[in-house]
Amino acid sequence: MKKTVMCSLLAIALLGMGGCSSMSTRDRNTAIGAGVGALGGAVLTNGSALGTIGGAAVGGIIGNQVNTKKR
């Protein structure tokens, strides 16, 4: 990727993380799971939109169900 595109994506990601400060732990895990799932889906399907959306959906569900309580 070109340097300007990478810098733009980094700036968007950093600004997006600032909005997560007031989220609950479960909401934050859902958002992180969706992001990781979307990235994984895009990589596994060579950038297919359907794969990216499917990965985001599955990752969001998994992130939502992660148990964050300390034992």
N, C-alpha and C. Protein backbone atom coordinates (compact mmCIF):
# COMPACT_ATOMS: atom_id res chain seq x y z
N MET A 1 0.82 -1.17 0.00
CA MET A 1 0.00 0.00 0.00
C MET A 1 0.87 1.24 0.00
N LYS A 2 0.32 2.29 -0.51
CA LYS A 2 1.06 3.54 -0.51
C LYS A 2 1.13 4.11 0.89
N LYS A 3 2.15 4.91 1.12
CA LYS A 3 2.37 5.47 2.45
C LYS A 3 1.21 6.36 2.89
N THR A 4 0.63 7.15 1.99
CA THR A 4 -0.47 8.04 2.37
C THR A 4 -1.71 7.26 2.76
N VAL A 5 -1.98 6.14 2.09
CA VAL A 5 -3.14 5.32 2.43
C VAL A 5 -2.95 4.71 3.81
N MET A 6 -1.75 4.21 4.08
CA MET A 6 -1.48 3.61 5.38
C MET A 6 -1.59 4.64 6.50
N CYS A 7 -1.10 5.85 6.26
CA CYS A 7 -1.20 6.90 7.27
C CYS A 7 -2.66 7.27 7.52
N SER A 8 -3.44 7.32 6.47
CA SER A 8 -4.87 7.63 6.62
C SER A 8 -5.58 6.55 7.42
N LEU A 9 -5.30 5.28 7.12
CA LEU A 9 -5.92 4.19 7.87
C LEU A 9 -5.52 4.22 9.34
N LEU A 10 -4.27 4.53 9.61
CA LEU A 10 -3.80 4.63 10.98
C LEU A 10 -4.50 5.76 11.72
N ALA A 11 -4.67 6.89 11.07
CA ALA A 11 -5.35 8.03 11.68
C ALA A 11 -6.81 7.69 11.99
N ILE A 12 -7.47 7.03 11.07
CA ILE A 12 -8.86 6.63 11.29
C ILE A 12 -8.96 5.66 12.46
N ALA A 13 -8.04 4.71 12.53
CA ALA A 13 -8.05 3.73 13.61
C ALA A 13 -7.83 4.40 14.97
N LEU A 14 -6.89 5.34 15.03
CA LEU A 14 -6.63 6.03 16.29
C LEU A 14 -7.81 6.88 16.73
N LEU A 15 -8.44 7.57 15.80
CA LEU A 15 -9.62 8.37 16.13
C LEU A 15 -10.77 7.47 16.56
N GLY A 16 -10.92 6.33 15.92
CA GLY A 16 -11.97 5.40 16.28
C GLY A 16 -11.79 4.83 17.67
N MET A 17 -10.56 4.61 18.08
CA MET A 17 -10.30 4.07 19.41
C MET A 17 -10.67 5.06 20.50
N GLY A 18 -10.58 6.33 20.20
CA GLY A 18 -10.95 7.34 21.18
C GLY A 18 -12.42 7.27 21.55
N GLY A 19 -13.26 6.79 20.65
CA GLY A 19 -14.67 6.66 20.92
C GLY A 19 -15.01 5.46 21.79
N CYS A 20 -14.06 4.61 22.06
CA CYS A 20 -14.29 3.40 22.85
C CYS A 20 -14.13 3.62 24.34
N SER A 21 -13.74 4.82 24.76
CA SER A 21 -13.43 5.03 26.17
C SER A 21 -14.64 4.89 27.09
N SER A 22 -15.83 5.19 26.61
CA SER A 22 -17.00 5.09 27.47
C SER A 22 -17.79 3.79 27.26
N MET A 23 -17.24 2.88 26.48
CA MET A 23 -17.92 1.61 26.22
C MET A 23 -17.72 0.65 27.39
N SER A 24 -18.70 -0.24 27.56
CA SER A 24 -18.54 -1.29 28.56
C SER A 24 -17.52 -2.30 28.04
N THR A 25 -17.06 -3.17 28.92
CA THR A 25 -16.08 -4.18 28.51
C THR A 25 -16.66 -5.10 27.45
N ARG A 26 -17.91 -5.47 27.60
CA ARG A 26 -18.55 -6.36 26.62
C ARG A 26 -18.66 -5.67 25.25
N ASP A 27 -19.04 -4.38 25.25
CA ASP A 27 -19.13 -3.64 23.99
C ASP A 27 -17.77 -3.51 23.32
N ARG A 28 -16.75 -3.25 24.13
CA ARG A 28 -15.39 -3.12 23.59
C ARG A 28 -14.92 -4.45 23.00
N ASN A 29 -15.21 -5.57 23.69
CA ASN A 29 -14.83 -6.88 23.16
C ASN A 29 -15.57 -7.19 21.87
N THR A 30 -16.82 -6.77 21.77
CA THR A 30 -17.59 -6.98 20.54
C THR A 30 -16.97 -6.21 19.38
N ALA A 31 -16.62 -4.95 19.64
CA ALA A 31 -16.01 -4.12 18.59
C ALA A 31 -14.65 -4.67 18.16
N ILE A 32 -13.85 -5.08 19.12
CA ILE A 32 -12.53 -5.64 18.79
C ILE A 32 -12.69 -6.94 18.02
N GLY A 33 -13.62 -7.79 18.45
CA GLY A 33 -13.87 -9.04 17.74
C GLY A 33 -14.34 -8.82 16.32
N ALA A 34 -15.19 -7.82 16.14
CA ALA A 34 -15.67 -7.53 14.79
C ALA A 34 -14.53 -7.03 13.90
N GLY A 35 -13.67 -6.20 14.46
CA GLY A 35 -12.53 -5.70 13.68
C GLY A 35 -11.56 -6.79 13.30
N VAL A 36 -11.23 -7.64 14.26
CA VAL A 36 -10.31 -8.75 13.98
C VAL A 36 -10.95 -9.73 13.00
N GLY A 37 -12.25 -9.99 13.19
CA GLY A 37 -12.94 -10.90 12.28
C GLY A 37 -13.00 -10.37 10.86
N ALA A 38 -13.24 -9.06 10.74
CA ALA A 38 -13.28 -8.46 9.40
C ALA A 38 -11.92 -8.56 8.73
N LEU A 39 -10.88 -8.29 9.46
CA LEU A 39 -9.53 -8.40 8.91
C LEU A 39 -9.23 -9.84 8.50
N GLY A 40 -9.56 -10.78 9.38
CA GLY A 40 -9.33 -12.20 9.06
C GLY A 40 -10.15 -12.65 7.86
N GLY A 41 -11.41 -12.23 7.81
CA GLY A 41 -12.26 -12.59 6.67
C GLY A 41 -11.74 -12.02 5.37
N ALA A 42 -11.24 -10.79 5.42
CA ALA A 42 -10.70 -10.17 4.21
C ALA A 42 -9.44 -10.89 3.74
N VAL A 43 -8.60 -11.26 4.68
CA VAL A 43 -7.35 -11.95 4.32
C VAL A 43 -7.65 -13.33 3.75
N LEU A 44 -8.55 -14.06 4.41
CA LEU A 44 -8.84 -15.43 3.98
C LEU A 44 -9.57 -15.50 2.65
N THR A 45 -10.32 -14.46 2.30
CA THR A 45 -11.10 -14.49 1.06
C THR A 45 -10.54 -13.56 -0.01
N ASN A 46 -9.30 -13.13 0.17
CA ASN A 46 -8.66 -12.25 -0.82
C ASN A 46 -9.39 -10.94 -1.02
N GLY A 47 -9.91 -10.37 0.06
CA GLY A 47 -10.56 -9.06 0.00
C GLY A 47 -12.01 -9.08 -0.42
N SER A 48 -12.65 -10.23 -0.43
CA SER A 48 -14.06 -10.33 -0.79
C SER A 48 -14.90 -9.57 0.23
N ALA A 49 -15.86 -8.79 -0.25
CA ALA A 49 -16.74 -8.04 0.64
C ALA A 49 -17.56 -9.00 1.51
N LEU A 50 -18.04 -10.07 0.93
CA LEU A 50 -18.84 -11.04 1.68
C LEU A 50 -18.00 -11.70 2.77
N GLY A 51 -16.77 -12.03 2.47
CA GLY A 51 -15.89 -12.62 3.47
C GLY A 51 -15.56 -11.66 4.59
N THR A 52 -15.38 -10.38 4.24
CA THR A 52 -15.10 -9.37 5.25
C THR A 52 -16.29 -9.16 6.18
N ILE A 53 -17.48 -9.07 5.61
CA ILE A 53 -18.69 -8.88 6.41
C ILE A 53 -18.97 -10.12 7.26
N GLY A 54 -18.80 -11.28 6.67
CA GLY A 54 -19.00 -12.52 7.42
C GLY A 54 -18.02 -12.65 8.57
N GLY A 55 -16.77 -12.31 8.32
CA GLY A 55 -15.76 -12.35 9.38
C GLY A 55 -16.07 -11.37 10.50
N ALA A 56 -16.55 -10.19 10.13
CA ALA A 56 -16.91 -9.19 11.14
C ALA A 56 -18.08 -9.68 11.99
N ALA A 57 -19.06 -10.31 11.35
CA ALA A 57 -20.22 -10.81 12.09
C ALA A 57 -19.81 -11.91 13.07
N VAL A 58 -19.04 -12.86 12.59
CA VAL A 58 -18.61 -13.97 13.45
C VAL A 58 -17.70 -13.46 14.57
N GLY A 59 -16.77 -12.58 14.23
CA GLY A 59 -15.87 -12.02 15.24
C GLY A 59 -16.61 -11.21 16.28
N GLY A 60 -17.62 -10.47 15.86
CA GLY A 60 -18.42 -9.69 16.80
C GLY A 60 -19.18 -10.57 17.77
N ILE A 61 -19.72 -11.65 17.27
CA ILE A 61 -20.45 -12.59 18.13
C ILE A 61 -19.50 -13.24 19.14
N ILE A 62 -18.35 -13.67 18.66
CA ILE A 62 -17.37 -14.29 19.56
C ILE A 62 -16.89 -13.28 20.60
N GLY A 63 -16.58 -12.06 20.17
CA GLY A 63 -16.14 -11.02 21.11
C GLY A 63 -17.19 -10.70 22.15
N ASN A 64 -18.45 -10.73 21.76
CA ASN A 64 -19.54 -10.46 22.68
C ASN A 64 -19.68 -11.54 23.74
N GLN A 65 -19.34 -12.76 23.39
CA GLN A 65 -19.53 -13.88 24.30
C GLN A 65 -18.31 -14.19 25.17
N VAL A 66 -17.21 -13.48 24.95
CA VAL A 66 -16.00 -13.73 25.73
C VAL A 66 -16.28 -13.37 27.18
N ASN A 67 -15.91 -14.27 28.08
CA ASN A 67 -16.12 -14.03 29.50
C ASN A 67 -14.96 -13.19 30.04
N THR A 68 -15.26 -12.02 30.54
CA THR A 68 -14.20 -11.13 31.01
C THR A 68 -14.12 -11.05 32.52
N LYS A 69 -14.93 -11.83 33.23
CA LYS A 69 -14.89 -11.81 34.69
C LYS A 69 -13.63 -12.50 35.19
N LYS A 70 -12.99 -11.87 36.17
CA LYS A 70 -11.80 -12.49 36.76
C LYS A 70 -12.24 -13.51 37.79
N ARG A 71 -11.54 -14.62 37.81
CA ARG A 71 -11.92 -15.71 38.74
C ARG A 71 -11.08 -15.68 39.97
